[in-house]
Every structure is written in C-alpha cells, then in structure tokens.
N, C-alpha and C. Protein backbone atom coordinates (compact mmCIF):
# COMPACT_ATOMS: atom_id res chain seq x y z
N UNK A 1 1.36 -0.89 0.02
CA UNK A 1 0.05 0.19 0.09
C UNK A 1 0.90 1.31 0.31
N UNK A 2 0.64 2.15 -1.19
CA UNK A 2 1.26 3.31 -1.18
C UNK A 2 0.63 4.25 -0.05
N UNK A 3 1.92 5.11 1.17
CA UNK A 3 1.44 5.94 1.58
C UNK A 3 2.15 7.14 0.51
N UNK A 4 0.30 8.37 1.21
CA UNK A 4 1.11 9.57 0.41
C UNK A 4 1.84 10.58 2.42
N UNK A 5 2.83 11.52 1.61
CA UNK A 5 3.53 12.35 1.72
C UNK A 5 2.95 13.50 1.98
N UNK A 6 1.90 14.25 2.85
CA UNK A 6 1.23 15.03 3.52
C UNK A 6 2.06 16.13 3.40
N UNK A 7 2.71 16.00 4.34
CA UNK A 7 4.01 17.79 3.86
C UNK A 7 4.49 18.05 2.71
N UNK A 8 4.61 16.88 1.74
CA UNK A 8 4.42 17.37 0.37
C UNK A 8 3.92 17.87 -0.48
N UNK A 9 2.41 17.84 -0.61
CA UNK A 9 1.27 17.56 -0.84
C UNK A 9 1.10 19.20 -0.06
N UNK A 10 0.74 19.12 1.40
CA UNK A 10 0.31 19.60 2.06
C UNK A 10 0.62 21.50 1.47
N UNK A 11 1.32 22.82 0.76
CA UNK A 11 1.02 23.66 0.25
C UNK A 11 0.59 24.06 -1.08
N UNK A 12 0.44 23.07 -2.23
CA UNK A 12 -0.80 22.48 -2.03
C UNK A 12 -1.67 23.33 -2.75
N UNK A 13 -2.41 21.76 -1.03
CA UNK A 13 -3.50 22.14 -0.67
C UNK A 13 -3.96 23.08 -0.43
N UNK A 14 -3.27 24.30 0.27
CA UNK A 14 -3.20 25.49 1.27
C UNK A 14 -3.59 25.91 0.06
N UNK A 15 -2.57 26.20 -1.02
CA UNK A 15 -3.13 27.11 -1.66
C UNK A 15 -3.86 26.36 -2.68
N UNK A 16 -4.51 25.39 -2.97
CA UNK A 16 -5.80 25.20 -3.55
C UNK A 16 -7.22 25.64 -3.12
N UNK A 17 -7.23 25.32 -2.04
CA UNK A 17 -8.24 25.24 -1.20
C UNK A 17 -7.63 27.58 -0.61
N UNK A 18 -7.40 27.89 -0.54
CA UNK A 18 -7.03 29.79 -0.54
C UNK A 18 -7.84 29.97 -2.64
N UNK A 19 -6.92 29.46 -3.51
CA UNK A 19 -8.21 29.50 -4.38
C UNK A 19 -9.25 29.91 -4.34
N UNK A 20 -9.70 28.95 -4.54
CA UNK A 20 -10.89 27.83 -3.70
C UNK A 20 -11.77 29.23 -3.79
N UNK A 21 -11.44 29.27 -2.22
CA UNK A 21 -11.81 30.99 -1.84
C UNK A 21 -11.71 31.62 -2.24
N UNK A 22 -11.17 32.40 -2.65
CA UNK A 22 -10.57 33.34 -3.49
C UNK A 22 -11.75 33.33 -4.31
N UNK A 23 -12.02 32.64 -5.39
CA UNK A 23 -13.10 32.39 -6.50
C UNK A 23 -14.52 32.25 -5.55
N UNK A 24 -14.77 32.29 -4.91
CA UNK A 24 -15.63 31.66 -4.03
C UNK A 24 -17.03 33.45 -3.77
N UNK A 25 -15.46 33.37 -2.97
CA UNK A 25 -16.00 35.26 -2.31
C UNK A 25 -15.45 36.18 -2.76
N UNK A 26 -14.08 36.15 -3.05
CA UNK A 26 -13.96 37.28 -3.16
C UNK A 26 -13.56 38.05 -5.37
N UNK A 27 -13.69 37.05 -5.89
CA UNK A 27 -13.57 37.38 -7.73
C UNK A 27 -14.93 38.50 -8.14
N UNK A 28 -14.70 39.19 -9.26
CA UNK A 28 -15.38 40.04 -9.71
C UNK A 28 -17.25 39.78 -9.57
N UNK A 29 -16.68 38.27 -10.35
CA UNK A 29 -17.72 37.32 -10.88
C UNK A 29 -18.52 35.88 -9.53
N UNK A 30 -18.75 36.42 -8.58
CA UNK A 30 -18.73 35.18 -7.40
C UNK A 30 -20.17 34.17 -7.83
N UNK A 31 -19.43 32.83 -7.59
CA UNK A 31 -20.90 32.18 -7.47
C UNK A 31 -22.38 32.20 -6.95
N UNK A 32 -22.09 33.42 -5.52
CA UNK A 32 -22.97 34.13 -4.81
C UNK A 32 -23.88 34.91 -5.28
N UNK A 33 -22.73 35.64 -6.45
CA UNK A 33 -23.20 36.70 -7.61
C UNK A 33 -24.62 36.03 -8.40
N UNK A 34 -24.09 34.99 -7.85
CA UNK A 34 -24.73 34.30 -10.06
C UNK A 34 -25.42 33.52 -9.50
N UNK A 35 -25.63 33.27 -8.22
CA UNK A 35 -26.94 32.38 -7.86
C UNK A 35 -27.56 34.16 -8.29
N UNK A 36 -28.10 34.86 -7.37
CA UNK A 36 -28.51 35.83 -6.82
C UNK A 36 -28.75 36.29 -8.02
N UNK A 37 -28.81 35.98 -9.78
CA UNK A 37 -28.66 36.75 -10.51
C UNK A 37 -30.03 36.06 -10.96
N UNK A 38 -29.39 34.77 -11.04
CA UNK A 38 -30.45 33.24 -10.58
C UNK A 38 -31.17 34.32 -10.60
N UNK A 39 -31.60 34.17 -9.00
CA UNK A 39 -33.41 34.04 -8.83
C UNK A 39 -33.78 35.00 -8.99
N UNK A 40 -33.48 36.42 -9.85
CA UNK A 40 -33.60 37.69 -9.25
C UNK A 40 -34.77 37.22 -11.34
N UNK A 41 -33.43 36.80 -12.14
CA UNK A 41 -33.93 36.20 -13.39
C UNK A 41 -35.05 35.21 -13.61
N UNK A 42 -35.72 34.35 -12.72
CA UNK A 42 -36.52 33.09 -12.15
C UNK A 42 -37.74 34.58 -11.88
N UNK A 43 -37.80 34.98 -10.97
CA UNK A 43 -38.66 36.24 -10.14
C UNK A 43 -38.69 37.48 -11.49
N UNK A 44 -38.35 38.24 -12.09
CA UNK A 44 -38.79 38.44 -13.82
C UNK A 44 -39.48 37.89 -14.21
N UNK A 45 -39.22 36.79 -14.61
CA UNK A 45 -39.26 35.61 -15.48
C UNK A 45 -41.42 35.72 -14.86
N UNK A 46 -41.55 35.28 -14.03
CA UNK A 46 -42.66 35.53 -13.17
C UNK A 46 -43.45 36.96 -13.05
N UNK A 47 -42.59 37.75 -13.28
CA UNK A 47 -43.50 38.79 -13.46
C UNK A 47 -44.02 39.41 -14.93
N UNK A 48 -43.25 39.03 -15.48
CA UNK A 48 -43.71 39.25 -17.63
C UNK A 48 -44.25 38.27 -17.57
N UNK A 49 -44.44 36.84 -17.78
CA UNK A 49 -45.47 36.25 -17.49
C UNK A 49 -46.84 36.94 -17.10
N UNK A 50 -46.93 37.24 -15.89
CA UNK A 50 -47.96 38.15 -14.73
C UNK A 50 -48.70 38.89 -15.88
N UNK A 51 -48.02 39.66 -16.21
CA UNK A 51 -47.97 41.96 -16.88
C UNK A 51 -48.40 40.88 -18.67
N UNK A 52 -47.56 39.90 -18.85
CA UNK A 52 -48.26 39.18 -20.17
C UNK A 52 -49.55 39.33 -20.17
N UNK A 53 -50.34 38.51 -18.71
CA UNK A 53 -51.31 37.65 -19.14
C UNK A 53 -52.47 39.40 -18.54
N UNK A 54 -52.24 39.91 -17.73
CA UNK A 54 -52.73 41.37 -17.46
C UNK A 54 -52.77 42.08 -19.41
N UNK A 55 -52.40 42.57 -20.54
CA UNK A 55 -52.28 42.75 -21.17
C UNK A 55 -52.79 41.97 -21.99
N UNK A 56 -53.45 40.80 -21.84
CA UNK A 56 -54.17 39.51 -22.52
C UNK A 56 -56.02 40.53 -22.76
N UNK A 57 -55.79 40.26 -20.86
CA UNK A 57 -57.16 41.14 -20.28
C UNK A 57 -57.40 42.51 -20.41
N UNK A 58 -56.59 43.37 -20.47
CA UNK A 58 -56.75 44.32 -21.05
C UNK A 58 -57.47 44.54 -22.44
N UNK A 59 -56.14 43.83 -23.85
CA UNK A 59 -56.57 43.97 -24.83
C UNK A 59 -58.42 43.54 -25.34
N UNK A 60 -58.88 42.20 -24.24
CA UNK A 60 -60.28 41.67 -23.92
C UNK A 60 -61.35 42.91 -23.95
N UNK A 61 -60.62 43.31 -23.05
CA UNK A 61 -61.64 44.58 -22.28
C UNK A 61 -61.78 45.40 -22.53
N UNK A 62 -60.75 46.00 -23.87
CA UNK A 62 -60.81 47.25 -24.80
C UNK A 62 -61.48 46.61 -25.74
N UNK A 63 -61.70 45.46 -27.06
CA UNK A 63 -62.34 45.29 -27.96
C UNK A 63 -63.80 45.05 -26.94
N UNK A 64 -64.17 45.06 -25.89
CA UNK A 64 -65.10 44.67 -25.15
C UNK A 64 -66.28 45.69 -24.77
N UNK A 65 -65.38 47.07 -24.96
CA UNK A 65 -65.89 48.51 -24.72
C UNK A 65 -65.62 48.89 -26.53
N UNK A 66 -65.99 48.58 -27.66
CA UNK A 66 -66.61 48.48 -28.67
C UNK A 66 -67.27 48.13 -28.88
N UNK A 67 -68.39 47.58 -27.85
CA UNK A 67 -70.02 46.90 -28.01
C UNK A 67 -71.01 47.27 -27.18
N UNK A 68 -71.41 47.91 -27.62
CA UNK A 68 -72.28 48.84 -27.07
C UNK A 68 -73.00 49.16 -25.74
N UNK A 69 -73.98 47.07 -26.37
CA UNK A 69 -74.52 46.26 -24.69
C UNK A 69 -73.29 47.07 -23.46
N UNK A 70 -72.40 46.02 -23.62
CA UNK A 70 -70.74 45.37 -23.31
C UNK A 70 -70.86 47.15 -22.32
N UNK A 71 -70.12 48.33 -23.26
CA UNK A 71 -70.39 50.07 -22.84
C UNK A 71 -71.83 50.30 -21.73
N UNK A 72 -72.12 49.57 -22.10
CA UNK A 72 -73.74 50.19 -21.27
C UNK A 72 -73.71 50.20 -19.79
N UNK A 73 -73.91 48.40 -19.59
CA UNK A 73 -73.51 47.43 -18.72
C UNK A 73 -72.77 48.10 -18.11
N UNK A 74 -70.97 48.41 -18.39
CA UNK A 74 -70.29 48.20 -17.74
C UNK A 74 -70.57 50.14 -16.95
N UNK A 75 -71.24 50.34 -17.06
CA UNK A 75 -71.16 51.77 -16.16
C UNK A 75 -72.18 51.84 -15.58
N UNK A 76 -73.41 50.97 -15.86
CA UNK A 76 -73.89 50.47 -15.11
C UNK A 76 -73.49 50.62 -14.11
N UNK A 77 -72.64 48.98 -13.66
CA UNK A 77 -72.44 48.56 -12.55
C UNK A 77 -71.16 49.81 -12.18
N UNK A 78 -70.02 50.21 -12.38
CA UNK A 78 -69.89 50.91 -11.95
C UNK A 78 -69.04 52.33 -12.51
N UNK A 79 -69.99 52.69 -12.34
CA UNK A 79 -70.70 53.95 -12.01
C UNK A 79 -71.90 54.02 -11.80
N UNK A 80 -72.47 53.35 -11.59
CA UNK A 80 -74.31 54.22 -11.82
C UNK A 80 -74.58 54.59 -12.47
N UNK A 81 -74.47 54.61 -13.80
CA UNK A 81 -75.13 55.35 -14.87
C UNK A 81 -77.08 55.03 -14.88
N UNK A 82 -77.84 56.24 -15.09
CA UNK A 82 -79.23 54.73 -15.06
C UNK A 82 -79.72 55.18 -16.13
N UNK A 83 -81.57 55.04 -17.19
CA UNK A 83 -81.20 56.05 -18.19
C UNK A 83 -82.30 56.77 -18.11
N UNK A 84 -82.36 58.01 -18.92
CA UNK A 84 -83.71 58.74 -18.34
C UNK A 84 -85.33 58.47 -17.35
N UNK A 85 -85.94 58.42 -16.52
CA UNK A 85 -86.90 57.95 -16.24
C UNK A 85 -86.77 56.90 -15.17
N UNK A 86 -85.20 56.06 -14.86
CA UNK A 86 -84.85 55.37 -14.43
C UNK A 86 -84.66 55.44 -12.72
N UNK A 87 -84.73 55.32 -11.55
CA UNK A 87 -83.67 55.48 -10.77
C UNK A 87 -83.49 53.77 -10.10
N UNK A 88 -81.90 54.04 -10.04
CA UNK A 88 -81.52 53.41 -9.03
C UNK A 88 -80.94 53.55 -7.53
N UNK A 89 -80.75 52.24 -7.10
CA UNK A 89 -81.38 51.97 -5.14
C UNK A 89 -79.95 51.28 -4.60
N UNK A 90 -79.27 51.68 -4.41
CA UNK A 90 -78.28 51.03 -3.20
C UNK A 90 -78.19 50.19 -2.63
N UNK A 91 -77.88 49.06 -2.53
CA UNK A 91 -78.24 48.19 -1.70
C UNK A 91 -77.02 48.45 -0.53
N UNK A 92 -76.82 48.56 0.64
CA UNK A 92 -75.40 48.27 0.88
C UNK A 92 -75.37 46.82 2.25
N UNK A 93 -74.70 45.81 2.24
CA UNK A 93 -74.57 44.57 2.81
C UNK A 93 -73.96 44.96 3.95
N UNK A 94 -73.99 44.73 4.87
CA UNK A 94 -74.45 44.85 6.81
C UNK A 94 -73.39 43.85 7.48
C-alpha cells in the first residue's frame, strides 16, 4: 500500500483551498452573485408572465368596450349610470 506524504502536498492543498475561497467570495463575479442573478431572473420571468396575462385581459376588455351593450352594462355597474326615467337603489350589506 502506498502512503501519501502529506508534508509534500500540504503547500499545494493550502494554495488550492485559498484559490477556491478567493474564487467563491472575492472574485469580481462570484458564484454567490450568479445565484442571486439566477433568482432575480426567475422572479422577473414570473413578473413578465403576469404582465403578459394582464395585457391580454386589458386588450380583451378594450375590445369589449367597442360593443355598445357591454359599454352600457359596464357604465351601469361601475359608475351607477342610469337611463332617463330610471331610479337606482343602492343596497349596502351589513
């Protein structure tokens, strides 16, 4: 069985460990920064998906506003508008 002479390799092991520590924490673009950026990209993609969905909903709503029946219904529900001669009663829930 071959025994390793640790004294012979100790310098190289220490230098390698110092290099790894330097690369992980002190280099300009560290792995920690890369992980943070990866997480940020993931969050931004989720936000992008949300805003695309909202844009689709808004474009559908704008298309519906071109229809007179939808526009009248929306005005009655949201702005409590009425036709001449009509009365509106607002009921509050307790």
